[in-house]
């Protein structure tokens, strides 16, 4: 499957200001490859940018650029696909929460609060 870049990027504001430790950043950089049909995401890092692509289509949905700060790494900017032919967005809040879940849950294995 070829990974296709975001075709119509839209900037998202309000992502967490969390500082990811150097160990967490190293784990984020390892990425994630879809292992079966139920796993919808391929996550990979190039330079300092995390990309989240849909596993079935290869479409880029999110990108998050990290910058080094005191104590680790922080997300400086987030982009989302806004082409409705590639991704049907619900809201900025939903997209920000989903991207954080992909990082915290899929890449770092953190337990997520279901509320």
Protein backbone atom coordinates (compact mmCIF):
# COMPACT_ATOMS: atom_id res chain seq x y z
CA UNK A 1 0.00 0.00 0.00
CA UNK A 2 1.32 3.42 -0.96
CA UNK A 3 0.99 6.15 1.65
CA UNK A 4 -0.51 9.26 0.07
CA UNK A 5 0.04 12.71 1.57
CA UNK A 6 -2.78 14.88 2.91
CA UNK A 7 -4.32 16.46 -0.19
CA UNK A 8 -6.15 19.42 1.41
CA UNK A 9 -4.48 20.13 4.76
CA UNK A 10 -6.32 22.07 7.43
CA UNK A 11 -4.54 23.32 10.53
CA UNK A 12 -5.87 22.18 13.90
CA UNK A 13 -5.39 24.31 17.00
CA UNK A 14 -5.65 23.24 20.61
CA UNK A 15 -3.67 20.00 20.70
CA UNK A 16 -2.33 18.98 24.09
CA UNK A 17 0.64 20.95 25.39
CA UNK A 18 2.02 17.78 26.96
CA UNK A 19 5.77 17.42 26.84
CA UNK A 20 6.63 13.91 25.70
CA UNK A 21 9.76 12.56 27.39
CA UNK A 22 12.78 11.56 25.29
CA UNK A 23 11.86 7.90 25.95
CA UNK A 24 8.27 8.50 24.75
CA UNK A 25 9.54 10.34 21.67
CA UNK A 26 11.81 7.37 20.87
CA UNK A 27 8.78 5.05 21.12
CA UNK A 28 6.66 7.39 18.97
CA UNK A 29 9.40 7.33 16.33
CA UNK A 30 9.11 3.54 16.09
CA UNK A 31 5.66 3.97 14.53
CA UNK A 32 2.96 1.37 14.06
CA UNK A 33 2.11 -0.91 11.16
CA UNK A 34 -1.40 -2.28 10.71
CA UNK A 35 -1.41 -6.00 11.54
CA UNK A 36 -4.90 -7.01 10.45
CA UNK A 37 -8.09 -5.74 8.79
CA UNK A 38 -9.44 -4.33 12.08
CA UNK A 39 -6.36 -2.16 12.60
CA UNK A 40 -7.18 1.04 10.73
CA UNK A 41 -3.98 3.04 11.11
CA UNK A 42 -0.39 3.17 9.91
CA UNK A 43 1.70 5.59 11.97
CA UNK A 44 5.23 6.63 11.06
CA UNK A 45 7.70 9.44 11.70
CA UNK A 46 9.83 11.21 9.11
CA UNK A 47 12.26 13.77 10.52
CA UNK A 48 10.23 15.35 13.35
CA UNK A 49 6.75 14.76 11.92
CA UNK A 50 4.35 11.97 12.84
CA UNK A 51 2.03 10.87 10.02
CA UNK A 52 -1.21 8.94 10.52
CA UNK A 53 -2.55 7.18 7.42
CA UNK A 54 -5.57 4.97 6.93
CA UNK A 55 -4.37 1.40 6.49
CA UNK A 56 -6.84 0.40 3.78
CA UNK A 57 -6.56 3.42 1.49
CA UNK A 58 -3.12 4.79 2.35
CA UNK A 59 -4.63 8.27 2.64
CA UNK A 60 -2.84 10.65 4.98
CA UNK A 61 -5.29 11.88 7.63
CA UNK A 62 -3.13 13.57 10.28
CA UNK A 63 0.35 14.99 10.59
CA UNK A 64 1.86 16.34 13.79
CA UNK A 65 5.18 18.15 13.87
CA UNK A 66 7.16 17.79 17.09
CA UNK A 67 9.74 20.27 18.39
CA UNK A 68 12.34 19.69 21.06
CA UNK A 69 11.69 21.67 24.24
CA UNK A 70 13.06 21.59 27.76
CA UNK A 71 12.37 18.11 29.13
CA UNK A 72 11.42 16.43 25.85
CA UNK A 73 9.25 17.00 22.80
CA UNK A 74 6.01 18.92 22.23
CA UNK A 75 3.65 19.02 19.27
CA UNK A 76 4.04 22.38 17.51
CA UNK A 77 1.46 21.96 14.75
CA UNK A 78 -1.21 19.51 13.64
CA UNK A 79 -2.78 19.13 10.21
CA UNK A 80 -5.83 17.11 9.19
CA UNK A 81 -7.16 16.01 5.81
CA UNK A 82 -10.14 18.17 4.86
CA UNK A 83 -11.01 16.58 1.51
CA UNK A 84 -14.41 14.93 2.16
CA UNK A 85 -13.65 12.35 -0.54
CA UNK A 86 -10.77 11.09 1.61
CA UNK A 87 -11.95 11.75 5.19
CA UNK A 88 -15.28 12.78 6.67
CA UNK A 89 -14.48 15.02 9.59
CA UNK A 90 -16.74 15.31 12.63
CA UNK A 91 -15.14 18.26 14.43
CA UNK A 92 -11.80 19.73 15.45
CA UNK A 93 -12.32 18.39 18.97
CA UNK A 94 -12.92 14.86 17.66
CA UNK A 95 -9.85 14.96 15.43
CA UNK A 96 -7.62 16.28 18.22
CA UNK A 97 -8.88 13.60 20.61
CA UNK A 98 -8.42 10.83 18.03
CA UNK A 99 -4.87 11.88 17.23
CA UNK A 100 -4.01 11.98 20.92
CA UNK A 101 -5.54 8.51 21.36
CA UNK A 102 -3.42 7.19 18.48
CA UNK A 103 -0.26 8.57 20.10
CA UNK A 104 -1.05 7.64 23.69
CA UNK A 105 -2.82 4.34 23.05
CA UNK A 106 -1.42 2.87 19.86
CA UNK A 107 2.16 4.14 20.02
CA UNK A 108 2.76 4.37 23.77
CA UNK A 109 0.36 1.71 25.07
CA UNK A 110 -1.14 4.02 27.70
CA UNK A 111 -4.48 3.10 29.17
CA UNK A 112 -7.20 5.49 28.00
CA UNK A 113 -9.94 6.89 30.24
CA UNK A 114 -13.21 5.70 28.61
CA UNK A 115 -15.17 8.75 29.80
